[in-house]
Amino acid sequence: MEHTSDLVYDGKLIHETAYPQRPERYEELEMGRIKIDYYDAKNRVIHEIKRSDKIENAHEWQVKYYIYVLEKTGIDGVVGILEYPALRHTAQVTLSDVDREKIQEMEKEIVRIVLSEACPSVINARICKKCSYYEFCYVNEEK
């Protein structure tokens, strides 16, 4: 799914070309189901690069989740930097206690959905057609 997406390929291309010096200084970090674009272990900074020309709340929550996962493995004091090369914009991301509680609630909701007998209803949003996981939602839907 994701590995065959043109959007993911575009993101990887930006990842490799927008900041060509990064691989020399930082490492790509894969932990279970997450893959962090660049992690500066010395300064405990996550760098997440977005190909989008829109700043979205979901991007911030993605980085907050990465920080949360690192904390769960004993790495504290991590901050994130969201980078939008197309916009020439960066934003710092931190994780608060309220954020941690919200993530725990989201995880519970995900487990509830996964264990449910029925799939959630399809939302038919325009953005879905470009999603790397489109086939998961629409595999059995009549067109």
N, C-alpha and C. Protein backbone atom coordinates (compact mmCIF):
# COMPACT_ATOMS: atom_id res chain seq x y z
N MET A 1 0.82 -1.17 0.00
CA MET A 1 0.00 0.00 0.00
C MET A 1 0.87 1.26 0.00
N GLU A 2 1.36 1.61 1.19
CA GLU A 2 2.12 2.85 1.30
C GLU A 2 3.38 2.81 0.44
N HIS A 3 4.05 1.67 0.41
CA HIS A 3 5.30 1.57 -0.34
C HIS A 3 5.11 1.69 -1.85
N THR A 4 3.88 1.56 -2.34
CA THR A 4 3.63 1.69 -3.77
C THR A 4 2.97 3.02 -4.13
N SER A 5 2.77 3.89 -3.16
CA SER A 5 2.08 5.16 -3.39
C SER A 5 2.98 6.19 -4.06
N ASP A 6 2.45 6.86 -5.07
CA ASP A 6 3.19 7.95 -5.72
C ASP A 6 3.44 9.09 -4.75
N LEU A 7 2.48 9.34 -3.85
CA LEU A 7 2.65 10.41 -2.86
C LEU A 7 3.80 10.09 -1.92
N VAL A 8 3.90 8.84 -1.52
CA VAL A 8 5.00 8.43 -0.64
C VAL A 8 6.32 8.56 -1.40
N TYR A 9 6.33 8.17 -2.67
CA TYR A 9 7.54 8.31 -3.48
C TYR A 9 7.95 9.78 -3.58
N ASP A 10 6.97 10.67 -3.83
CA ASP A 10 7.27 12.11 -3.88
C ASP A 10 7.85 12.59 -2.56
N GLY A 11 7.27 12.11 -1.46
CA GLY A 11 7.77 12.49 -0.14
C GLY A 11 9.21 12.04 0.07
N LYS A 12 9.52 10.83 -0.39
CA LYS A 12 10.89 10.32 -0.26
C LYS A 12 11.86 11.14 -1.10
N LEU A 13 11.41 11.56 -2.27
CA LEU A 13 12.25 12.39 -3.13
C LEU A 13 12.55 13.73 -2.45
N ILE A 14 11.54 14.34 -1.87
CA ILE A 14 11.75 15.60 -1.13
C ILE A 14 12.67 15.35 0.06
N HIS A 15 12.43 14.25 0.75
CA HIS A 15 13.23 13.83 1.90
C HIS A 15 14.71 13.78 1.51
N GLU A 16 15.00 13.25 0.33
CA GLU A 16 16.39 13.08 -0.12
C GLU A 16 17.01 14.34 -0.71
N THR A 17 16.18 15.22 -1.28
CA THR A 17 16.73 16.38 -1.99
C THR A 17 16.62 17.70 -1.25
N ALA A 18 15.63 17.86 -0.39
CA ALA A 18 15.43 19.16 0.27
C ALA A 18 16.53 19.46 1.27
N TYR A 19 17.02 18.44 1.93
CA TYR A 19 18.06 18.61 2.95
C TYR A 19 19.15 17.57 2.71
N PRO A 20 19.95 17.73 1.66
CA PRO A 20 20.91 16.68 1.28
C PRO A 20 21.99 16.40 2.34
N GLN A 21 22.24 17.34 3.24
CA GLN A 21 23.28 17.14 4.26
C GLN A 21 22.77 16.30 5.44
N ARG A 22 21.48 16.10 5.54
CA ARG A 22 20.91 15.41 6.68
C ARG A 22 21.44 14.00 6.92
N PRO A 23 21.51 13.15 5.90
CA PRO A 23 21.96 11.78 6.16
C PRO A 23 23.34 11.69 6.80
N GLU A 24 24.16 12.71 6.60
CA GLU A 24 25.49 12.70 7.19
C GLU A 24 25.44 12.97 8.70
N ARG A 25 24.45 13.75 9.13
CA ARG A 25 24.39 14.18 10.53
C ARG A 25 23.35 13.45 11.37
N TYR A 26 22.27 13.02 10.74
CA TYR A 26 21.17 12.40 11.48
C TYR A 26 20.84 11.05 10.87
N GLU A 27 20.09 10.27 11.61
CA GLU A 27 19.73 8.94 11.13
C GLU A 27 18.23 8.82 10.92
N GLU A 28 17.85 8.01 9.93
CA GLU A 28 16.45 7.64 9.79
C GLU A 28 16.21 6.58 10.86
N LEU A 29 15.11 6.69 11.56
CA LEU A 29 14.85 5.81 12.69
C LEU A 29 13.54 5.06 12.47
N GLU A 30 13.63 3.74 12.47
CA GLU A 30 12.45 2.90 12.32
C GLU A 30 12.26 2.12 13.61
N MET A 31 11.07 2.29 14.20
CA MET A 31 10.75 1.60 15.45
C MET A 31 9.36 0.99 15.31
N GLY A 32 9.31 -0.31 15.14
CA GLY A 32 8.00 -0.95 14.99
C GLY A 32 7.28 -0.42 13.76
N ARG A 33 6.13 0.22 14.00
CA ARG A 33 5.31 0.70 12.89
C ARG A 33 5.59 2.14 12.49
N ILE A 34 6.55 2.77 13.13
CA ILE A 34 6.83 4.17 12.78
C ILE A 34 8.19 4.30 12.10
N LYS A 35 8.29 5.30 11.24
CA LYS A 35 9.56 5.59 10.59
C LYS A 35 9.77 7.10 10.66
N ILE A 36 10.76 7.52 11.41
CA ILE A 36 11.07 8.93 11.60
C ILE A 36 12.05 9.35 10.52
N ASP A 37 11.72 10.45 9.83
CA ASP A 37 12.56 10.91 8.72
C ASP A 37 14.01 11.07 9.15
N TYR A 38 14.24 11.91 10.14
CA TYR A 38 15.60 12.11 10.66
C TYR A 38 15.52 12.29 12.17
N TYR A 39 16.44 11.63 12.87
CA TYR A 39 16.50 11.77 14.32
C TYR A 39 17.92 12.16 14.71
N ASP A 40 18.01 13.25 15.45
CA ASP A 40 19.27 13.73 16.00
C ASP A 40 19.35 13.20 17.43
N ALA A 41 20.03 12.07 17.61
CA ALA A 41 20.09 11.41 18.92
C ALA A 41 20.83 12.26 19.95
N LYS A 42 21.83 12.99 19.53
CA LYS A 42 22.61 13.80 20.46
C LYS A 42 21.75 14.89 21.10
N ASN A 43 20.96 15.58 20.29
CA ASN A 43 20.13 16.67 20.79
C ASN A 43 18.67 16.27 21.02
N ARG A 44 18.35 15.02 20.73
CA ARG A 44 17.00 14.48 20.90
C ARG A 44 15.96 15.29 20.13
N VAL A 45 16.20 15.41 18.84
CA VAL A 45 15.30 16.18 17.97
C VAL A 45 14.85 15.30 16.79
N ILE A 46 13.54 15.25 16.60
CA ILE A 46 12.94 14.59 15.44
C ILE A 46 12.76 15.64 14.36
N HIS A 47 13.18 15.33 13.15
CA HIS A 47 12.93 16.20 12.00
C HIS A 47 11.97 15.46 11.08
N GLU A 48 10.79 15.99 10.89
CA GLU A 48 9.79 15.38 10.02
C GLU A 48 9.54 16.32 8.85
N ILE A 49 9.78 15.83 7.64
CA ILE A 49 9.66 16.64 6.43
C ILE A 49 8.34 16.33 5.75
N LYS A 50 7.60 17.37 5.39
CA LYS A 50 6.31 17.21 4.73
C LYS A 50 6.35 17.79 3.33
N ARG A 51 5.84 17.05 2.37
CA ARG A 51 5.80 17.51 0.98
C ARG A 51 4.65 18.47 0.75
N SER A 52 3.72 18.53 1.67
CA SER A 52 2.51 19.31 1.52
C SER A 52 2.78 20.81 1.47
N ASP A 53 1.87 21.51 0.79
CA ASP A 53 1.93 22.97 0.82
C ASP A 53 0.86 23.51 1.78
N LYS A 54 0.37 22.62 2.65
CA LYS A 54 -0.59 23.00 3.69
C LYS A 54 -0.07 22.51 5.03
N ILE A 55 -0.21 23.36 6.02
CA ILE A 55 0.14 22.97 7.39
C ILE A 55 -1.11 22.35 8.00
N GLU A 56 -0.99 21.10 8.45
CA GLU A 56 -2.15 20.40 8.96
C GLU A 56 -1.92 19.92 10.39
N ASN A 57 -3.02 19.91 11.14
CA ASN A 57 -3.00 19.44 12.51
C ASN A 57 -2.52 17.98 12.59
N ALA A 58 -2.88 17.17 11.61
CA ALA A 58 -2.47 15.76 11.59
C ALA A 58 -0.96 15.62 11.56
N HIS A 59 -0.27 16.53 10.89
CA HIS A 59 1.19 16.48 10.84
C HIS A 59 1.77 16.65 12.24
N GLU A 60 1.22 17.60 12.97
CA GLU A 60 1.69 17.85 14.34
C GLU A 60 1.44 16.63 15.22
N TRP A 61 0.25 16.02 15.08
CA TRP A 61 -0.04 14.83 15.89
C TRP A 61 0.83 13.64 15.52
N GLN A 62 1.23 13.55 14.28
CA GLN A 62 2.15 12.49 13.87
C GLN A 62 3.46 12.62 14.64
N VAL A 63 3.99 13.83 14.70
CA VAL A 63 5.26 14.05 15.41
C VAL A 63 5.06 13.85 16.91
N LYS A 64 3.92 14.29 17.44
CA LYS A 64 3.65 14.07 18.87
C LYS A 64 3.63 12.57 19.16
N TYR A 65 3.05 11.78 18.26
CA TYR A 65 3.04 10.34 18.45
C TYR A 65 4.45 9.77 18.42
N TYR A 66 5.29 10.26 17.53
CA TYR A 66 6.68 9.81 17.49
C TYR A 66 7.37 10.10 18.82
N ILE A 67 7.17 11.29 19.35
CA ILE A 67 7.76 11.65 20.64
C ILE A 67 7.25 10.69 21.72
N TYR A 68 5.96 10.42 21.70
CA TYR A 68 5.32 9.51 22.65
C TYR A 68 5.95 8.12 22.58
N VAL A 69 6.15 7.61 21.38
CA VAL A 69 6.76 6.28 21.20
C VAL A 69 8.19 6.28 21.74
N LEU A 70 8.94 7.32 21.46
CA LEU A 70 10.32 7.40 21.98
C LEU A 70 10.31 7.43 23.51
N GLU A 71 9.38 8.18 24.10
CA GLU A 71 9.27 8.21 25.56
C GLU A 71 8.98 6.83 26.11
N LYS A 72 8.12 6.09 25.43
CA LYS A 72 7.76 4.73 25.89
C LYS A 72 8.97 3.80 25.88
N THR A 73 9.98 4.11 25.07
CA THR A 73 11.19 3.28 25.04
C THR A 73 12.28 3.85 25.95
N GLY A 74 11.93 4.88 26.73
CA GLY A 74 12.88 5.44 27.69
C GLY A 74 13.68 6.64 27.20
N ILE A 75 13.34 7.17 26.05
CA ILE A 75 14.05 8.35 25.53
C ILE A 75 13.20 9.58 25.84
N ASP A 76 13.60 10.32 26.86
CA ASP A 76 12.85 11.50 27.29
C ASP A 76 13.49 12.78 26.76
N GLY A 77 12.73 13.87 26.85
CA GLY A 77 13.25 15.17 26.46
C GLY A 77 13.34 15.39 24.97
N VAL A 78 12.56 14.65 24.20
CA VAL A 78 12.58 14.76 22.74
C VAL A 78 11.64 15.89 22.30
N VAL A 79 12.06 16.65 21.31
CA VAL A 79 11.20 17.64 20.66
C VAL A 79 11.19 17.32 19.17
N GLY A 80 10.21 17.86 18.49
CA GLY A 80 10.11 17.63 17.06
C GLY A 80 10.16 18.93 16.29
N ILE A 81 10.61 18.83 15.05
CA ILE A 81 10.57 19.97 14.14
C ILE A 81 9.89 19.49 12.86
N LEU A 82 8.77 20.12 12.55
CA LEU A 82 8.06 19.86 11.30
C LEU A 82 8.62 20.81 10.26
N GLU A 83 8.97 20.26 9.11
CA GLU A 83 9.58 21.08 8.06
C GLU A 83 8.78 20.96 6.77
N TYR A 84 8.44 22.10 6.22
CA TYR A 84 7.69 22.19 4.97
C TYR A 84 8.55 22.91 3.94
N PRO A 85 9.37 22.18 3.18
CA PRO A 85 10.25 22.82 2.21
C PRO A 85 9.51 23.69 1.18
N ALA A 86 8.35 23.24 0.73
CA ALA A 86 7.59 24.00 -0.28
C ALA A 86 7.14 25.35 0.26
N LEU A 87 6.92 25.42 1.57
CA LEU A 87 6.47 26.66 2.21
C LEU A 87 7.61 27.44 2.85
N ARG A 88 8.77 26.80 2.91
CA ARG A 88 9.91 27.38 3.63
C ARG A 88 9.50 27.72 5.07
N HIS A 89 8.88 26.73 5.70
CA HIS A 89 8.34 26.92 7.05
C HIS A 89 8.75 25.76 7.95
N THR A 90 9.05 26.07 9.19
CA THR A 90 9.30 25.03 10.20
C THR A 90 8.46 25.35 11.43
N ALA A 91 8.13 24.31 12.18
CA ALA A 91 7.37 24.48 13.41
C ALA A 91 7.89 23.50 14.44
N GLN A 92 8.06 23.97 15.67
CA GLN A 92 8.51 23.10 16.75
C GLN A 92 7.30 22.39 17.34
N VAL A 93 7.50 21.13 17.70
CA VAL A 93 6.43 20.31 18.27
C VAL A 93 6.91 19.73 19.59
N THR A 94 6.08 19.88 20.62
CA THR A 94 6.37 19.28 21.92
C THR A 94 5.17 18.42 22.33
N LEU A 95 5.37 17.63 23.36
CA LEU A 95 4.32 16.73 23.84
C LEU A 95 3.99 17.10 25.28
N SER A 96 2.73 17.42 25.53
CA SER A 96 2.28 17.78 26.88
C SER A 96 1.60 16.59 27.54
N ASP A 97 1.31 16.71 28.82
CA ASP A 97 0.57 15.66 29.53
C ASP A 97 -0.82 15.46 28.92
N VAL A 98 -1.45 16.56 28.52
CA VAL A 98 -2.77 16.48 27.88
C VAL A 98 -2.66 15.72 26.56
N ASP A 99 -1.59 15.96 25.81
CA ASP A 99 -1.36 15.24 24.55
C ASP A 99 -1.19 13.75 24.80
N ARG A 100 -0.44 13.41 25.85
CA ARG A 100 -0.22 11.99 26.17
C ARG A 100 -1.56 11.30 26.46
N GLU A 101 -2.41 11.97 27.23
CA GLU A 101 -3.73 11.41 27.54
C GLU A 101 -4.56 11.23 26.27
N LYS A 102 -4.50 12.21 25.40
CA LYS A 102 -5.26 12.14 24.13
C LYS A 102 -4.76 10.98 23.27
N ILE A 103 -3.45 10.80 23.21
CA ILE A 103 -2.88 9.69 22.43
C ILE A 103 -3.33 8.35 23.02
N GLN A 104 -3.34 8.24 24.33
CA GLN A 104 -3.79 7.00 24.96
C GLN A 104 -5.26 6.72 24.63
N GLU A 105 -6.07 7.77 24.60
CA GLU A 105 -7.48 7.61 24.22
C GLU A 105 -7.60 7.20 22.75
N MET A 106 -6.78 7.80 21.89
CA MET A 106 -6.79 7.43 20.47
C MET A 106 -6.40 5.97 20.30
N GLU A 107 -5.40 5.52 21.04
CA GLU A 107 -4.97 4.12 20.94
C GLU A 107 -6.10 3.18 21.37
N LYS A 108 -6.82 3.54 22.42
CA LYS A 108 -7.96 2.72 22.86
C LYS A 108 -9.03 2.66 21.78
N GLU A 109 -9.29 3.80 21.15
CA GLU A 109 -10.30 3.84 20.08
C GLU A 109 -9.86 3.00 18.88
N ILE A 110 -8.58 3.03 18.57
CA ILE A 110 -8.06 2.21 17.46
C ILE A 110 -8.25 0.73 17.77
N VAL A 111 -7.93 0.33 18.99
CA VAL A 111 -8.12 -1.07 19.39
C VAL A 111 -9.59 -1.45 19.30
N ARG A 112 -10.48 -0.57 19.76
CA ARG A 112 -11.92 -0.83 19.69
C ARG A 112 -12.35 -1.05 18.24
N ILE A 113 -11.88 -0.21 17.34
CA ILE A 113 -12.24 -0.33 15.92
C ILE A 113 -11.69 -1.63 15.33
N VAL A 114 -10.45 -1.94 15.63
CA VAL A 114 -9.82 -3.16 15.10
C VAL A 114 -10.55 -4.41 15.58
N LEU A 115 -11.00 -4.41 16.83
CA LEU A 115 -11.68 -5.58 17.38
C LEU A 115 -13.16 -5.64 17.02
N SER A 116 -13.68 -4.60 16.45
CA SER A 116 -15.09 -4.52 16.09
C SER A 116 -15.41 -5.51 14.97
N GLU A 117 -16.63 -6.02 14.99
CA GLU A 117 -17.09 -6.93 13.94
C GLU A 117 -17.31 -6.22 12.62
N ALA A 118 -17.69 -4.95 12.68
CA ALA A 118 -18.00 -4.19 11.46
C ALA A 118 -16.97 -3.10 11.23
N CYS A 119 -16.70 -2.84 9.97
CA CYS A 119 -15.78 -1.75 9.61
C CYS A 119 -16.50 -0.42 9.78
N PRO A 120 -15.75 0.63 10.08
CA PRO A 120 -16.36 1.96 10.12
C PRO A 120 -16.91 2.32 8.74
N SER A 121 -17.90 3.19 8.72
CA SER A 121 -18.47 3.63 7.45
C SER A 121 -17.43 4.40 6.65
N VAL A 122 -17.51 4.27 5.34
CA VAL A 122 -16.63 5.02 4.45
C VAL A 122 -17.05 6.49 4.50
N ILE A 123 -16.08 7.38 4.54
CA ILE A 123 -16.41 8.81 4.69
C ILE A 123 -16.49 9.55 3.36
N ASN A 124 -15.97 8.97 2.30
CA ASN A 124 -16.02 9.58 0.97
C ASN A 124 -15.51 11.02 0.91
N ALA A 125 -14.41 11.28 1.56
CA ALA A 125 -13.79 12.60 1.49
C ALA A 125 -12.87 12.65 0.26
N ARG A 126 -12.74 13.84 -0.32
CA ARG A 126 -11.88 13.99 -1.51
C ARG A 126 -10.45 13.55 -1.23
N ILE A 127 -9.97 13.83 -0.04
CA ILE A 127 -8.58 13.51 0.31
C ILE A 127 -8.34 11.99 0.29
N CYS A 128 -9.39 11.21 0.49
CA CYS A 128 -9.24 9.75 0.54
C CYS A 128 -8.68 9.18 -0.77
N LYS A 129 -9.05 9.77 -1.88
CA LYS A 129 -8.61 9.24 -3.17
C LYS A 129 -7.10 9.32 -3.36
N LYS A 130 -6.44 10.18 -2.61
CA LYS A 130 -4.99 10.32 -2.72
C LYS A 130 -4.24 9.57 -1.62
N CYS A 131 -4.98 8.97 -0.72
CA CYS A 131 -4.38 8.33 0.46
C CYS A 131 -3.65 7.04 0.08
N SER A 132 -2.53 6.82 0.74
CA SER A 132 -1.75 5.59 0.53
C SER A 132 -2.53 4.34 0.94
N TYR A 133 -3.50 4.50 1.81
CA TYR A 133 -4.26 3.37 2.34
C TYR A 133 -5.67 3.28 1.75
N TYR A 134 -5.91 3.95 0.66
CA TYR A 134 -7.22 4.00 0.01
C TYR A 134 -7.85 2.61 -0.13
N GLU A 135 -7.06 1.65 -0.56
CA GLU A 135 -7.58 0.30 -0.82
C GLU A 135 -8.12 -0.38 0.43
N PHE A 136 -7.61 -0.03 1.60
CA PHE A 136 -8.13 -0.63 2.83
C PHE A 136 -9.59 -0.24 3.05
N CYS A 137 -9.92 0.99 2.76
CA CYS A 137 -11.27 1.49 3.01
C CYS A 137 -12.26 1.14 1.91
N TYR A 138 -11.77 1.07 0.68
CA TYR A 138 -12.68 0.95 -0.45
C TYR A 138 -12.62 -0.39 -1.17
N VAL A 139 -11.94 -1.37 -0.62
CA VAL A 139 -11.73 -2.64 -1.30
C VAL A 139 -13.05 -3.34 -1.64
N ASN A 140 -14.05 -3.26 -0.79
CA ASN A 140 -15.32 -3.96 -1.04
C ASN A 140 -16.47 -3.02 -1.35
N GLU A 141 -16.18 -1.77 -1.60
CA GLU A 141 -17.24 -0.79 -1.85
C GLU A 141 -17.70 -0.84 -3.29
N GLU A 142 -19.00 -0.72 -3.47
CA GLU A 142 -19.57 -0.62 -4.82
C GLU A 142 -19.35 0.79 -5.31
N LYS A 143 -19.01 0.94 -6.57
CA LYS A 143 -18.77 2.29 -7.11
C LYS A 143 -20.01 2.82 -7.77
